[in-house]
Amino acid sequence: MISRRELRPVPPKLRERVIEGPKRKHGTLQLQPSGRWAVFRPGRRPVEIMSDELFRVEVGGELKLTRMEFRHFTGPLKGREYRGQPGEYYSADGYHLANGLRAAIGAHD
């Protein structure tokens, strides 16, 4: 039998995930001042997409799975900064990233 001390309240983040379900992972892609891309969802904080993280982005009207990568500038831009970064984040599959595209965090719906 479990004592009262062993019962812990469900953390708010976990409770939100259980209540909201996977449909709430969808939002819009927005470029952050840091140079990283983030998924914005109504009423929620933006979720930044880190390097090597899987996400889905709208391509031809459907969400396609891809991975975020970071490219360091070389050649004429080497040693320079663009948007305050020494490189840029991009889709490993070559999908175009732009503000306002439908996007989702993770590999599954």
C-alpha atoms as a PDB file:
ATOM      1  CA  MET A   1       0.000   0.000   0.000  1.00  0.00           C
ATOM      2  CA  ILE A   2       1.265   3.505  -0.843  1.00  0.00           C
ATOM      3  CA  SER A   3       1.534   6.010   1.970  1.00  0.00           C
ATOM      4  CA  ARG A   4       0.489   9.647   1.556  1.00  0.00           C
ATOM      5  CA  ARG A   5       4.143  10.706   1.621  1.00  0.00           C
ATOM      6  CA  GLU A   6       4.903   8.661  -1.481  1.00  0.00           C
ATOM      7  CA  LEU A   7       2.125  10.328  -3.495  1.00  0.00           C
ATOM      8  CA  ARG A   8       3.365  13.417  -5.246  1.00  0.00           C
ATOM      9  CA  PRO A   9       1.360  15.904  -7.271  1.00  0.00           C
ATOM     10  CA  VAL A  10       1.760  15.689 -11.033  1.00  0.00           C
ATOM     11  CA  PRO A  11       4.174  18.417 -12.217  1.00  0.00           C
ATOM     12  CA  PRO A  12       2.391  21.197 -14.189  1.00  0.00           C
ATOM     13  CA  LYS A  13       4.351  20.531 -17.406  1.00  0.00           C
ATOM     14  CA  LEU A  14       3.461  16.832 -17.378  1.00  0.00           C
ATOM     15  CA  ARG A  15      -0.168  17.641 -16.546  1.00  0.00           C
ATOM     16  CA  GLU A  16      -0.319  20.028 -19.556  1.00  0.00           C
ATOM     17  CA  ARG A  17       1.114  17.365 -21.878  1.00  0.00           C
ATOM     18  CA  VAL A  18      -1.437  14.793 -20.717  1.00  0.00           C
ATOM     19  CA  ILE A  19      -4.412  17.174 -20.949  1.00  0.00           C
ATOM     20  CA  GLU A  20      -3.428  18.860 -24.206  1.00  0.00           C
ATOM     21  CA  GLY A  21      -2.392  15.771 -26.085  1.00  0.00           C
ATOM     22  CA  PRO A  22      -0.228  15.720 -29.211  1.00  0.00           C
ATOM     23  CA  LYS A  23      -2.433  18.011 -31.326  1.00  0.00           C
ATOM     24  CA  ARG A  24      -1.161  20.990 -29.351  1.00  0.00           C
ATOM     25  CA  LYS A  25       2.432  20.471 -30.556  1.00  0.00           C
ATOM     26  CA  HIS A  26       1.598  22.258 -33.820  1.00  0.00           C
ATOM     27  CA  GLY A  27       2.302  25.946 -34.149  1.00  0.00           C
ATOM     28  CA  THR A  28       4.110  28.377 -36.427  1.00  0.00           C
ATOM     29  CA  LEU A  29       7.818  28.697 -37.077  1.00  0.00           C
ATOM     30  CA  GLN A  30       9.456  31.970 -35.986  1.00  0.00           C
ATOM     31  CA  LEU A  31      13.087  33.110 -36.054  1.00  0.00           C
ATOM     32  CA  GLN A  32      14.269  34.211 -32.594  1.00  0.00           C
ATOM     33  CA  PRO A  33      16.629  37.148 -31.924  1.00  0.00           C
ATOM     34  CA  SER A  34      19.202  34.502 -30.899  1.00  0.00           C
ATOM     35  CA  GLY A  35      19.213  33.198 -34.491  1.00  0.00           C
ATOM     36  CA  ARG A  36      17.478  29.945 -33.500  1.00  0.00           C
ATOM     37  CA  TRP A  37      14.119  28.836 -34.862  1.00  0.00           C
ATOM     38  CA  ALA A  38      11.214  28.263 -32.488  1.00  0.00           C
ATOM     39  CA  VAL A  39       7.681  26.869 -32.699  1.00  0.00           C
ATOM     40  CA  PHE A  40       5.073  29.336 -31.421  1.00  0.00           C
ATOM     41  CA  ARG A  41       1.777  27.991 -30.083  1.00  0.00           C
ATOM     42  CA  PRO A  42      -1.116  30.196 -28.948  1.00  0.00           C
ATOM     43  CA  GLY A  43      -1.034  30.814 -25.214  1.00  0.00           C
ATOM     44  CA  ARG A  44       2.302  29.007 -24.747  1.00  0.00           C
ATOM     45  CA  ARG A  45       5.950  29.982 -24.590  1.00  0.00           C
ATOM     46  CA  PRO A  46       7.935  29.493 -27.808  1.00  0.00           C
ATOM     47  CA  VAL A  47       9.882  26.223 -27.978  1.00  0.00           C
ATOM     48  CA  GLU A  48      13.324  26.686 -29.520  1.00  0.00           C
ATOM     49  CA  ILE A  49      14.536  23.968 -31.867  1.00  0.00           C
ATOM     50  CA  MET A  50      18.100  23.065 -30.978  1.00  0.00           C
ATOM     51  CA  SER A  51      20.793  21.674 -33.262  1.00  0.00           C
ATOM     52  CA  ASP A  52      20.300  17.929 -34.049  1.00  0.00           C
ATOM     53  CA  GLU A  53      16.692  18.074 -32.802  1.00  0.00           C
ATOM     54  CA  LEU A  54      13.893  16.499 -34.871  1.00  0.00           C
ATOM     55  CA  PHE A  55      10.939  18.660 -35.874  1.00  0.00           C
ATOM     56  CA  ARG A  56       8.325  18.850 -38.608  1.00  0.00           C
ATOM     57  CA  VAL A  57       7.868  21.743 -41.009  1.00  0.00           C
ATOM     58  CA  GLU A  58       5.239  22.465 -43.653  1.00  0.00           C
ATOM     59  CA  VAL A  59       6.361  21.528 -47.163  1.00  0.00           C
ATOM     60  CA  GLY A  60       3.807  21.412 -49.969  1.00  0.00           C
ATOM     61  CA  GLY A  61       0.888  21.581 -47.536  1.00  0.00           C
ATOM     62  CA  GLU A  62       1.987  18.707 -45.281  1.00  0.00           C
ATOM     63  CA  LEU A  63       4.327  18.423 -42.303  1.00  0.00           C
ATOM     64  CA  LYS A  64       7.647  16.780 -43.203  1.00  0.00           C
ATOM     65  CA  LEU A  65      10.097  15.400 -40.659  1.00  0.00           C
ATOM     66  CA  THR A  66      13.564  16.975 -40.651  1.00  0.00           C
ATOM     67  CA  ARG A  67      16.453  17.749 -38.322  1.00  0.00           C
ATOM     68  CA  MET A  68      17.867  21.148 -37.348  1.00  0.00           C
ATOM     69  CA  GLU A  69      21.540  21.751 -38.124  1.00  0.00           C
ATOM     70  CA  PHE A  70      23.932  24.664 -37.620  1.00  0.00           C
ATOM     71  CA  ARG A  71      26.285  25.783 -40.405  1.00  0.00           C
ATOM     72  CA  HIS A  72      29.376  27.846 -39.508  1.00  0.00           C
ATOM     73  CA  PHE A  73      30.180  30.512 -42.052  1.00  0.00           C
ATOM     74  CA  THR A  74      33.239  29.904 -44.249  1.00  0.00           C
ATOM     75  CA  GLY A  75      34.727  31.755 -47.178  1.00  0.00           C
ATOM     76  CA  PRO A  76      33.933  35.485 -47.471  1.00  0.00           C
ATOM     77  CA  LEU A  77      31.699  35.464 -44.364  1.00  0.00           C
ATOM     78  CA  LYS A  78      34.252  33.574 -42.215  1.00  0.00           C
ATOM     79  CA  GLY A  79      34.899  35.530 -39.037  1.00  0.00           C
ATOM     80  CA  ARG A  80      31.811  37.689 -39.623  1.00  0.00           C
ATOM     81  CA  GLU A  81      28.439  37.493 -37.981  1.00  0.00           C
ATOM     82  CA  TYR A  82      24.972  37.393 -39.510  1.00  0.00           C
ATOM     83  CA  ARG A  83      22.038  38.130 -37.192  1.00  0.00           C
ATOM     84  CA  GLY A  84      24.541  38.109 -34.335  1.00  0.00           C
ATOM     85  CA  GLN A  85      25.613  34.523 -35.061  1.00  0.00           C
ATOM     86  CA  PRO A  86      28.783  33.100 -36.659  1.00  0.00           C
ATOM     87  CA  GLY A  87      26.548  30.848 -38.774  1.00  0.00           C
ATOM     88  CA  GLU A  88      22.927  29.883 -39.329  1.00  0.00           C
ATOM     89  CA  TYR A  89      20.412  27.176 -38.464  1.00  0.00           C
ATOM     90  CA  TYR A  90      18.880  25.216 -41.332  1.00  0.00           C
ATOM     91  CA  SER A  91      16.902  22.064 -42.157  1.00  0.00           C
ATOM     92  CA  ALA A  92      19.185  19.055 -42.739  1.00  0.00           C
ATOM     93  CA  ASP A  93      16.874  17.959 -45.587  1.00  0.00           C
ATOM     94  CA  GLY A  94      17.095  21.336 -47.320  1.00  0.00           C
ATOM     95  CA  TYR A  95      13.524  22.417 -46.545  1.00  0.00           C
ATOM     96  CA  HIS A  96      13.002  26.175 -46.654  1.00  0.00           C
ATOM     97  CA  LEU A  97      12.498  27.683 -43.179  1.00  0.00           C
ATOM     98  CA  ALA A  98      10.505  30.910 -42.934  1.00  0.00           C
ATOM     99  CA  ASN A  99       8.498  32.838 -40.347  1.00  0.00           C
ATOM    100  CA  GLY A 100       4.866  31.743 -40.218  1.00  0.00           C
ATOM    101  CA  LEU A 101       5.245  28.229 -41.669  1.00  0.00           C
ATOM    102  CA  ARG A 102       3.278  25.536 -39.854  1.00  0.00           C
ATOM    103  CA  ALA A 103       5.647  23.478 -37.705  1.00  0.00           C
ATOM    104  CA  ALA A 104       5.682  20.962 -34.850  1.00  0.00           C
ATOM    105  CA  ILE A 105       8.161  19.715 -32.282  1.00  0.00           C
ATOM    106  CA  GLY A 106       9.150  16.043 -32.378  1.00  0.00           C
ATOM    107  CA  ALA A 107       8.839  13.211 -34.836  1.00  0.00           C
ATOM    108  CA  HIS A 108       5.211  12.155 -34.230  1.00  0.00           C
ATOM    109  CA  ASP A 109       1.757  13.765 -34.266  1.00  0.00           C
END
